[in-house]
């Protein structure tokens, strides 16, 4: 049997919140630890997803696709930047 590595997490919460968490865990037939870790994991995954995934409306999706398929001509400043980049790569 292999041991699972764990880390301890401590938080100060009100007695009311502890009672609510305990009741929620009981309703689901889980221990408080299991309930809290599952709930925290789910909340963390949602927070990360919201931060890392860009969601676009249909109109914004069309604009994005159009920009990829038909990019605008480079401006003079963009042309200078590309030339500087090319020069740096040649060095």
PDB file of N, CA and C in Angstrom:
ATOM      1  N   UNK A   1       0.847  -1.179   0.000  1.00  0.00           N
ATOM      2  CA  UNK A   1       0.000   0.000   0.000  1.00  0.00           C
ATOM      3  C   UNK A   1       0.889   1.237   0.000  1.00  0.00           C
ATOM      4  N   UNK A   2       0.606   2.202  -0.883  1.00  0.00           N
ATOM      5  CA  UNK A   2       1.397   3.417  -0.948  1.00  0.00           C
ATOM      6  C   UNK A   2       0.689   4.532  -0.195  1.00  0.00           C
ATOM      7  N   UNK A   3       1.449   5.342   0.489  1.00  0.00           N
ATOM      8  CA  UNK A   3       0.887   6.461   1.237  1.00  0.00           C
ATOM      9  C   UNK A   3       0.665   7.642   0.293  1.00  0.00           C
ATOM     10  N   UNK A   4      -0.430   8.337   0.511  1.00  0.00           N
ATOM     11  CA  UNK A   4      -0.722   9.518  -0.284  1.00  0.00           C
ATOM     12  C   UNK A   4      -0.174  10.737   0.438  1.00  0.00           C
ATOM     13  N   UNK A   5       0.604  11.547  -0.258  1.00  0.00           N
ATOM     14  CA  UNK A   5       1.149  12.757   0.342  1.00  0.00           C
ATOM     15  C   UNK A   5       0.022  13.751   0.574  1.00  0.00           C
ATOM     16  N   UNK A   6       0.063  14.399   1.709  1.00  0.00           N
ATOM     17  CA  UNK A   6      -0.949  15.400   2.026  1.00  0.00           C
ATOM     18  C   UNK A   6      -0.280  16.636   2.585  1.00  0.00           C
ATOM     19  N   UNK A   7      -1.003  17.719   2.586  1.00  0.00           N
ATOM     20  CA  UNK A   7      -0.552  18.966   3.189  1.00  0.00           C
ATOM     21  C   UNK A   7      -1.700  19.497   4.034  1.00  0.00           C
ATOM     22  N   UNK A   8      -1.369  20.175   5.077  1.00  0.00           N
ATOM     23  CA  UNK A   8      -2.377  20.685   5.991  1.00  0.00           C
ATOM     24  C   UNK A   8      -2.758  22.102   5.577  1.00  0.00           C
ATOM     25  N   UNK A   9      -4.047  22.406   5.689  1.00  0.00           N
ATOM     26  CA  UNK A   9      -4.573  23.738   5.416  1.00  0.00           C
ATOM     27  C   UNK A   9      -5.384  24.158   6.625  1.00  0.00           C
ATOM     28  N   UNK A  10      -5.084  25.324   7.159  1.00  0.00           N
ATOM     29  CA  UNK A  10      -5.834  25.809   8.304  1.00  0.00           C
ATOM     30  C   UNK A  10      -6.514  27.113   7.944  1.00  0.00           C
ATOM     31  N   UNK A  11      -7.704  27.305   8.493  1.00  0.00           N
ATOM     32  CA  UNK A  11      -8.437  28.547   8.259  1.00  0.00           C
ATOM     33  C   UNK A  11      -9.271  28.853   9.487  1.00  0.00           C
ATOM     34  N   UNK A  12      -9.356  30.103   9.826  1.00  0.00           N
ATOM     35  CA  UNK A  12     -10.213  30.551  10.927  1.00  0.00           C
ATOM     36  C   UNK A  12     -11.578  30.870  10.330  1.00  0.00           C
ATOM     37  N   UNK A  13     -12.601  30.206  10.815  1.00  0.00           N
ATOM     38  CA  UNK A  13     -13.955  30.460  10.333  1.00  0.00           C
ATOM     39  C   UNK A  13     -14.883  30.636  11.532  1.00  0.00           C
ATOM     40  N   UNK A  14     -16.014  31.264  11.267  1.00  0.00           N
ATOM     41  CA  UNK A  14     -16.977  31.487  12.347  1.00  0.00           C
ATOM     42  C   UNK A  14     -17.648  30.167  12.726  1.00  0.00           C
ATOM     43  N   UNK A  15     -18.149  30.088  13.949  1.00  0.00           N
ATOM     44  CA  UNK A  15     -18.884  28.880  14.350  1.00  0.00           C
ATOM     45  C   UNK A  15     -20.099  28.628  13.447  1.00  0.00           C
ATOM     46  N   UNK A  16     -20.717  29.698  12.968  1.00  0.00           N
ATOM     47  CA  UNK A  16     -21.873  29.536  12.086  1.00  0.00           C
ATOM     48  C   UNK A  16     -21.474  28.878  10.767  1.00  0.00           C
ATOM     49  N   UNK A  17     -20.356  29.328  10.216  1.00  0.00           N
ATOM     50  CA  UNK A  17     -19.893  28.736   8.963  1.00  0.00           C
ATOM     51  C   UNK A  17     -19.489  27.281   9.174  1.00  0.00           C
ATOM     52  N   UNK A  18     -18.830  26.983  10.280  1.00  0.00           N
ATOM     53  CA  UNK A  18     -18.455  25.596  10.564  1.00  0.00           C
ATOM     54  C   UNK A  18     -19.697  24.715  10.664  1.00  0.00           C
ATOM     55  N   UNK A  19     -20.723  25.228  11.317  1.00  0.00           N
ATOM     56  CA  UNK A  19     -21.960  24.451  11.442  1.00  0.00           C
ATOM     57  C   UNK A  19     -22.599  24.221  10.073  1.00  0.00           C
ATOM     58  N   UNK A  20     -22.549  25.240   9.227  1.00  0.00           N
ATOM     59  CA  UNK A  20     -23.114  25.107   7.876  1.00  0.00           C
ATOM     60  C   UNK A  20     -22.335  24.074   7.062  1.00  0.00           C
ATOM     61  N   UNK A  21     -21.013  24.140   7.152  1.00  0.00           N
ATOM     62  CA  UNK A  21     -20.168  23.184   6.422  1.00  0.00           C
ATOM     63  C   UNK A  21     -20.423  21.766   6.939  1.00  0.00           C
ATOM     64  N   UNK A  22     -20.518  21.631   8.254  1.00  0.00           N
ATOM     65  CA  UNK A  22     -20.782  20.313   8.842  1.00  0.00           C
ATOM     66  C   UNK A  22     -22.117  19.771   8.348  1.00  0.00           C
ATOM     67  N   UNK A  23     -23.133  20.624   8.320  1.00  0.00           N
ATOM     68  CA  UNK A  23     -24.460  20.187   7.859  1.00  0.00           C
ATOM     69  C   UNK A  23     -24.415  19.793   6.382  1.00  0.00           C
ATOM     70  N   UNK A  24     -23.751  20.592   5.568  1.00  0.00           N
ATOM     71  CA  UNK A  24     -23.639  20.288   4.138  1.00  0.00           C
ATOM     72  C   UNK A  24     -22.929  18.950   3.932  1.00  0.00           C
ATOM     73  N   UNK A  25     -21.880  18.710   4.696  1.00  0.00           N
ATOM     74  CA  UNK A  25     -21.160  17.436   4.589  1.00  0.00           C
ATOM     75  C   UNK A  25     -22.066  16.281   4.987  1.00  0.00           C
ATOM     76  N   UNK A  26     -22.824  16.460   6.058  1.00  0.00           N
ATOM     77  CA  UNK A  26     -23.747  15.406   6.503  1.00  0.00           C
ATOM     78  C   UNK A  26     -24.804  15.118   5.444  1.00  0.00           C
ATOM     79  N   UNK A  27     -25.334  16.174   4.837  1.00  0.00           N
ATOM     80  CA  UNK A  27     -26.361  16.004   3.798  1.00  0.00           C
ATOM     81  C   UNK A  27     -25.825  15.153   2.653  1.00  0.00           C
ATOM     82  N   UNK A  28     -24.556  15.323   2.339  1.00  0.00           N
ATOM     83  CA  UNK A  28     -23.943  14.578   1.241  1.00  0.00           C
ATOM     84  C   UNK A  28     -23.321  13.260   1.700  1.00  0.00           C
ATOM     85  N   UNK A  29     -23.412  12.975   2.985  1.00  0.00           N
ATOM     86  CA  UNK A  29     -22.839  11.736   3.493  1.00  0.00           C
ATOM     87  C   UNK A  29     -21.324  11.704   3.446  1.00  0.00           C
ATOM     88  N   UNK A  30     -20.705  12.858   3.644  1.00  0.00           N
ATOM     89  CA  UNK A  30     -19.249  12.962   3.585  1.00  0.00           C
ATOM     90  C   UNK A  30     -18.708  13.456   4.915  1.00  0.00           C
ATOM     91  N   UNK A  31     -17.417  13.281   5.090  1.00  0.00           N
ATOM     92  CA  UNK A  31     -16.755  13.898   6.238  1.00  0.00           C
ATOM     93  C   UNK A  31     -16.567  15.388   5.925  1.00  0.00           C
ATOM     94  N   UNK A  32     -16.337  16.156   6.970  1.00  0.00           N
ATOM     95  CA  UNK A  32     -16.082  17.591   6.750  1.00  0.00           C
ATOM     96  C   UNK A  32     -14.847  17.760   5.876  1.00  0.00           C
ATOM     97  N   UNK A  33     -13.811  16.993   6.151  1.00  0.00           N
ATOM     98  CA  UNK A  33     -12.581  17.094   5.360  1.00  0.00           C
ATOM     99  C   UNK A  33     -12.848  16.786   3.892  1.00  0.00           C
ATOM    100  N   UNK A  34     -13.558  15.717   3.617  1.00  0.00           N
ATOM    101  CA  UNK A  34     -13.866  15.352   2.239  1.00  0.00           C
ATOM    102  C   UNK A  34     -14.709  16.432   1.567  1.00  0.00           C
ATOM    103  N   UNK A  35     -15.718  16.921   2.278  1.00  0.00           N
ATOM    104  CA  UNK A  35     -16.577  17.969   1.715  1.00  0.00           C
ATOM    105  C   UNK A  35     -15.768  19.227   1.394  1.00  0.00           C
ATOM    106  N   UNK A  36     -14.963  19.661   2.365  1.00  0.00           N
ATOM    107  CA  UNK A  36     -14.188  20.897   2.180  1.00  0.00           C
ATOM    108  C   UNK A  36     -13.179  20.747   1.055  1.00  0.00           C
ATOM    109  N   UNK A  37     -12.447  19.639   1.005  1.00  0.00           N
ATOM    110  CA  UNK A  37     -11.442  19.492  -0.049  1.00  0.00           C
ATOM    111  C   UNK A  37     -12.089  19.398  -1.429  1.00  0.00           C
ATOM    112  N   UNK A  38     -13.208  18.687  -1.539  1.00  0.00           N
ATOM    113  CA  UNK A  38     -13.881  18.596  -2.835  1.00  0.00           C
ATOM    114  C   UNK A  38     -14.423  19.954  -3.262  1.00  0.00           C
ATOM    115  N   UNK A  39     -14.992  20.690  -2.320  1.00  0.00           N
ATOM    116  CA  UNK A  39     -15.544  22.012  -2.627  1.00  0.00           C
ATOM    117  C   UNK A  39     -14.446  22.996  -3.004  1.00  0.00           C
ATOM    118  N   UNK A  40     -13.350  22.972  -2.269  1.00  0.00           N
ATOM    119  CA  UNK A  40     -12.227  23.862  -2.587  1.00  0.00           C
ATOM    120  C   UNK A  40     -11.617  23.524  -3.939  1.00  0.00           C
ATOM    121  N   UNK A  41     -11.487  22.230  -4.233  1.00  0.00           N
ATOM    122  CA  UNK A  41     -10.941  21.836  -5.533  1.00  0.00           C
ATOM    123  C   UNK A  41     -11.821  22.370  -6.658  1.00  0.00           C
ATOM    124  N   UNK A  42     -13.113  22.195  -6.524  1.00  0.00           N
ATOM    125  CA  UNK A  42     -14.044  22.653  -7.548  1.00  0.00           C
ATOM    126  C   UNK A  42     -13.967  24.170  -7.718  1.00  0.00           C
ATOM    127  N   UNK A  43     -13.932  24.908  -6.620  1.00  0.00           N
ATOM    128  CA  UNK A  43     -13.840  26.365  -6.682  1.00  0.00           C
ATOM    129  C   UNK A  43     -12.513  26.803  -7.301  1.00  0.00           C
ATOM    130  N   UNK A  44     -11.431  26.125  -6.949  1.00  0.00           N
ATOM    131  CA  UNK A  44     -10.119  26.463  -7.506  1.00  0.00           C
ATOM    132  C   UNK A  44     -10.086  26.200  -9.008  1.00  0.00           C
ATOM    133  N   UNK A  45     -10.641  25.067  -9.437  1.00  0.00           N
ATOM    134  CA  UNK A  45     -10.671  24.755 -10.880  1.00  0.00           C
ATOM    135  C   UNK A  45     -11.468  25.799 -11.642  1.00  0.00           C
ATOM    136  N   UNK A  46     -12.611  26.226 -11.089  1.00  0.00           N
ATOM    137  CA  UNK A  46     -13.427  27.259 -11.756  1.00  0.00           C
ATOM    138  C   UNK A  46     -12.682  28.580 -11.834  1.00  0.00           C
ATOM    139  N   UNK A  47     -12.001  28.970 -10.753  1.00  0.00           N
ATOM    140  CA  UNK A  47     -11.254  30.229 -10.738  1.00  0.00           C
ATOM    141  C   UNK A  47     -10.137  30.214 -11.777  1.00  0.00           C
ATOM    142  N   UNK A  48      -9.419  29.109 -11.862  1.00  0.00           N
ATOM    143  CA  UNK A  48      -8.331  28.984 -12.837  1.00  0.00           C
ATOM    144  C   UNK A  48      -8.898  28.992 -14.252  1.00  0.00           C
ATOM    145  N   UNK A  49      -9.980  28.272 -14.465  1.00  0.00           N
ATOM    146  CA  UNK A  49     -10.598  28.237 -15.796  1.00  0.00           C
ATOM    147  C   UNK A  49     -11.022  29.631 -16.230  1.00  0.00           C
ATOM    148  N   UNK A  50     -11.656  30.378 -15.321  1.00  0.00           N
ATOM    149  CA  UNK A  50     -12.096  31.742 -15.662  1.00  0.00           C
ATOM    150  C   UNK A  50     -10.909  32.631 -16.013  1.00  0.00           C
ATOM    151  N   UNK A  51      -9.775  32.411 -15.355  1.00  0.00           N
ATOM    152  CA  UNK A  51      -8.598  33.241 -15.596  1.00  0.00           C
ATOM    153  C   UNK A  51      -7.862  32.843 -16.873  1.00  0.00           C
ATOM    154  N   UNK A  52      -7.931  31.565 -17.269  1.00  0.00           N
ATOM    155  CA  UNK A  52      -7.116  31.076 -18.380  1.00  0.00           C
ATOM    156  C   UNK A  52      -7.875  30.875 -19.682  1.00  0.00           C
ATOM    157  N   UNK A  53      -9.184  30.769 -19.624  1.00  0.00           N
ATOM    158  CA  UNK A  53      -9.953  30.508 -20.834  1.00  0.00           C
ATOM    159  C   UNK A  53     -10.682  31.769 -21.266  1.00  0.00           C
ATOM    160  N   UNK A  54     -10.483  32.145 -22.500  1.00  0.00           N
ATOM    161  CA  UNK A  54     -11.144  33.323 -23.049  1.00  0.00           C
ATOM    162  C   UNK A  54     -12.428  32.875 -23.729  1.00  0.00           C
ATOM    163  N   UNK A  55     -13.514  33.454 -23.307  1.00  0.00           N
ATOM    164  CA  UNK A  55     -14.807  33.131 -23.910  1.00  0.00           C
ATOM    165  C   UNK A  55     -15.250  34.334 -24.740  1.00  0.00           C
ATOM    166  N   UNK A  56     -15.625  34.059 -25.974  1.00  0.00           N
ATOM    167  CA  UNK A  56     -16.027  35.118 -26.892  1.00  0.00           C
ATOM    168  C   UNK A  56     -17.470  34.923 -27.328  1.00  0.00           C
ATOM    169  N   UNK A  57     -18.143  36.045 -27.529  1.00  0.00           N
ATOM    170  CA  UNK A  57     -19.482  35.976 -28.098  1.00  0.00           C
ATOM    171  C   UNK A  57     -19.351  35.507 -29.546  1.00  0.00           C
ATOM    172  N   UNK A  58     -20.467  35.144 -30.174  1.00  0.00           N
ATOM    173  CA  UNK A  58     -20.414  34.716 -31.582  1.00  0.00           C
ATOM    174  C   UNK A  58     -19.848  35.817 -32.468  1.00  0.00           C
ATOM    175  N   UNK A  59     -20.273  37.051 -32.211  1.00  0.00           N
ATOM    176  CA  UNK A  59     -19.762  38.172 -33.014  1.00  0.00           C
ATOM    177  C   UNK A  59     -18.259  38.340 -32.823  1.00  0.00           C
ATOM    178  N   UNK A  60     -17.782  38.244 -31.586  1.00  0.00           N
ATOM    179  CA  UNK A  60     -16.346  38.361 -31.328  1.00  0.00           C
ATOM    180  C   UNK A  60     -15.580  37.193 -31.941  1.00  0.00           C
ATOM    181  N   UNK A  61     -16.171  35.997 -31.963  1.00  0.00           N
ATOM    182  CA  UNK A  61     -15.535  34.850 -32.618  1.00  0.00           C
ATOM    183  C   UNK A  61     -15.370  35.121 -34.111  1.00  0.00           C
ATOM    184  N   UNK A  62     -16.395  35.690 -34.719  1.00  0.00           N
ATOM    185  CA  UNK A  62     -16.316  36.016 -36.155  1.00  0.00           C
ATOM    186  C   UNK A  62     -15.225  37.055 -36.419  1.00  0.00           C
ATOM    187  N   UNK A  63     -15.176  38.085 -35.580  1.00  0.00           N
ATOM    188  CA  UNK A  63     -14.148  39.124 -35.748  1.00  0.00           C
ATOM    189  C   UNK A  63     -12.745  38.542 -35.595  1.00  0.00           C
ATOM    190  N   UNK A  64     -12.578  37.670 -34.620  1.00  0.00           N
ATOM    191  CA  UNK A  64     -11.280  37.045 -34.387  1.00  0.00           C
ATOM    192  C   UNK A  64     -10.874  36.202 -35.590  1.00  0.00           C
ATOM    193  N   UNK A  65     -11.796  35.389 -36.080  1.00  0.00           N
ATOM    194  CA  UNK A  65     -11.510  34.550 -37.250  1.00  0.00           C
ATOM    195  C   UNK A  65     -11.196  35.412 -38.468  1.00  0.00           C
ATOM    196  N   UNK A  66     -11.963  36.485 -38.673  1.00  0.00           N
ATOM    197  CA  UNK A  66     -11.699  37.386 -39.799  1.00  0.00           C
ATOM    198  C   UNK A  66     -10.318  38.015 -39.697  1.00  0.00           C
ATOM    199  N   UNK A  67      -9.926  38.410 -38.489  1.00  0.00           N
ATOM    200  CA  UNK A  67      -8.599  39.015 -38.302  1.00  0.00           C
ATOM    201  C   UNK A  67      -7.496  38.006 -38.598  1.00  0.00           C
ATOM    202  N   UNK A  68      -7.713  36.737 -38.255  1.00  0.00           N
ATOM    203  CA  UNK A  68      -6.714  35.711 -38.556  1.00  0.00           C
ATOM    204  C   UNK A  68      -6.646  35.414 -40.047  1.00  0.00           C
ATOM    205  N   UNK A  69      -7.814  35.357 -40.688  1.00  0.00           N
ATOM    206  CA  UNK A  69      -7.867  34.998 -42.104  1.00  0.00           C
ATOM    207  C   UNK A  69      -7.510  36.165 -43.019  1.00  0.00           C
ATOM    208  N   UNK A  70      -7.811  37.379 -42.586  1.00  0.00           N
ATOM    209  CA  UNK A  70      -7.534  38.566 -43.393  1.00  0.00           C
ATOM    210  C   UNK A  70      -6.920  39.648 -42.512  1.00  0.00           C
ATOM    211  N   UNK A  71      -5.679  39.468 -42.114  1.00  0.00           N
ATOM    212  CA  UNK A  71      -5.080  40.458 -41.216  1.00  0.00           C
ATOM    213  C   UNK A  71      -4.893  41.799 -41.915  1.00  0.00           C
ATOM    214  N   UNK A  72      -4.985  42.892 -41.170  1.00  0.00           N
ATOM    215  CA  UNK A  72      -4.767  44.202 -41.769  1.00  0.00           C
ATOM    216  C   UNK A  72      -3.297  44.358 -42.163  1.00  0.00           C
ATOM    217  N   UNK A  73      -3.055  45.247 -43.099  1.00  0.00           N
ATOM    218  CA  UNK A  73      -1.673  45.519 -43.509  1.00  0.00           C
ATOM    219  C   UNK A  73      -0.924  46.140 -42.332  1.00  0.00           C
ATOM    220  N   UNK A  74       0.373  45.824 -42.195  1.00  0.00           N
ATOM    221  CA  UNK A  74       1.123  46.391 -41.082  1.00  0.00           C
ATOM    222  C   UNK A  74       1.257  47.907 -41.204  1.00  0.00           C
ATOM    223  N   UNK A  75       1.169  48.582 -40.074  1.00  0.00           N
ATOM    224  CA  UNK A  75       1.359  50.035 -40.030  1.00  0.00           C
ATOM    225  C   UNK A  75       2.852  50.317 -40.154  1.00  0.00           C
ATOM    226  N   UNK A  76       3.228  51.559 -40.415  1.00  0.00           N
ATOM    227  CA  UNK A  76       4.664  51.886 -40.478  1.00  0.00           C
ATOM    228  C   UNK A  76       5.400  51.498 -39.189  1.00  0.00           C
ATOM    229  N   UNK A  77       4.787  51.735 -38.040  1.00  0.00           N
ATOM    230  CA  UNK A  77       5.440  51.380 -36.769  1.00  0.00           C
ATOM    231  C   UNK A  77       5.614  49.863 -36.671  1.00  0.00           C
ATOM    232  N   UNK A  78       4.618  49.110 -37.102  1.00  0.00           N
ATOM    233  CA  UNK A  78       4.716  47.652 -37.069  1.00  0.00           C
ATOM    234  C   UNK A  78       5.798  47.173 -38.035  1.00  0.00           C
ATOM    235  N   UNK A  79       5.884  47.790 -39.204  1.00  0.00           N
ATOM    236  CA  UNK A  79       6.904  47.430 -40.178  1.00  0.00           C
ATOM    237  C   UNK A  79       8.294  47.665 -39.585  1.00  0.00           C
ATOM    238  N   UNK A  80       8.497  48.833 -38.913  1.00  0.00           N
ATOM    239  CA  UNK A  80       9.799  49.110 -38.280  1.00  0.00           C
ATOM    240  C   UNK A  80      10.106  48.069 -37.198  1.00  0.00           C
ATOM    241  N   UNK A  81       9.110  47.703 -36.416  1.00  0.00           N
ATOM    242  CA  UNK A  81       9.311  46.704 -35.360  1.00  0.00           C
ATOM    243  C   UNK A  81       9.695  45.355 -35.966  1.00  0.00           C
ATOM    244  N   UNK A  82       9.027  44.963 -37.051  1.00  0.00           N
ATOM    245  CA  UNK A  82       9.359  43.692 -37.703  1.00  0.00           C
ATOM    246  C   UNK A  82      10.771  43.734 -38.281  1.00  0.00           C
ATOM    247  N   UNK A  83      11.141  44.878 -38.863  1.00  0.00           N
ATOM    248  CA  UNK A  83      12.493  45.009 -39.409  1.00  0.00           C
ATOM    249  C   UNK A  83      13.538  44.917 -38.298  1.00  0.00           C
ATOM    250  N   UNK A  84      13.252  45.564 -37.158  1.00  0.00           N
ATOM    251  CA  UNK A  84      14.185  45.501 -36.018  1.00  0.00           C
ATOM    252  C   UNK A  84      14.295  44.075 -35.501  1.00  0.00           C
ATOM    253  N   UNK A  85      13.198  43.393 -35.453  1.00  0.00           N
ATOM    254  CA  UNK A  85      13.187  41.991 -35.004  1.00  0.00           C
ATOM    255  C   UNK A  85      14.023  41.133 -35.938  1.00  0.00           C
ATOM    256  N   UNK A  86      13.800  41.301 -37.237  1.00  0.00           N
ATOM    257  CA  UNK A  86      14.571  40.536 -38.224  1.00  0.00           C
ATOM    258  C   UNK A  86      16.064  40.813 -38.104  1.00  0.00           C
ATOM    259  N   UNK A  87      16.409  42.083 -37.872  1.00  0.00           N
ATOM    260  CA  UNK A  87      17.812  42.458 -37.739  1.00  0.00           C
ATOM    261  C   UNK A  87      18.437  41.806 -36.500  1.00  0.00           C
ATOM    262  N   UNK A  88      17.681  41.788 -35.399  1.00  0.00           N
ATOM    263  CA  UNK A  88      18.184  41.144 -34.177  1.00  0.00           C
ATOM    264  C   UNK A  88      18.431  39.655 -34.385  1.00  0.00           C
ATOM    265  N   UNK A  89      17.565  39.013 -35.136  1.00  0.00           N
ATOM    266  CA  UNK A  89      17.722  37.581 -35.379  1.00  0.00           C
ATOM    267  C   UNK A  89      18.915  37.277 -36.273  1.00  0.00           C
ATOM    268  N   UNK A  90      19.255  38.191 -37.166  1.00  0.00           N
ATOM    269  CA  UNK A  90      20.406  37.983 -38.043  1.00  0.00           C
ATOM    270  C   UNK A  90      21.725  38.133 -37.302  1.00  0.00           C
ATOM    271  N   UNK A  91      21.740  38.859 -36.199  1.00  0.00           N
ATOM    272  CA  UNK A  91      23.001  39.106 -35.463  1.00  0.00           C
ATOM    273  C   UNK A  91      23.507  37.900 -34.760  1.00  0.00           C
TER     274      UNK A  91
END
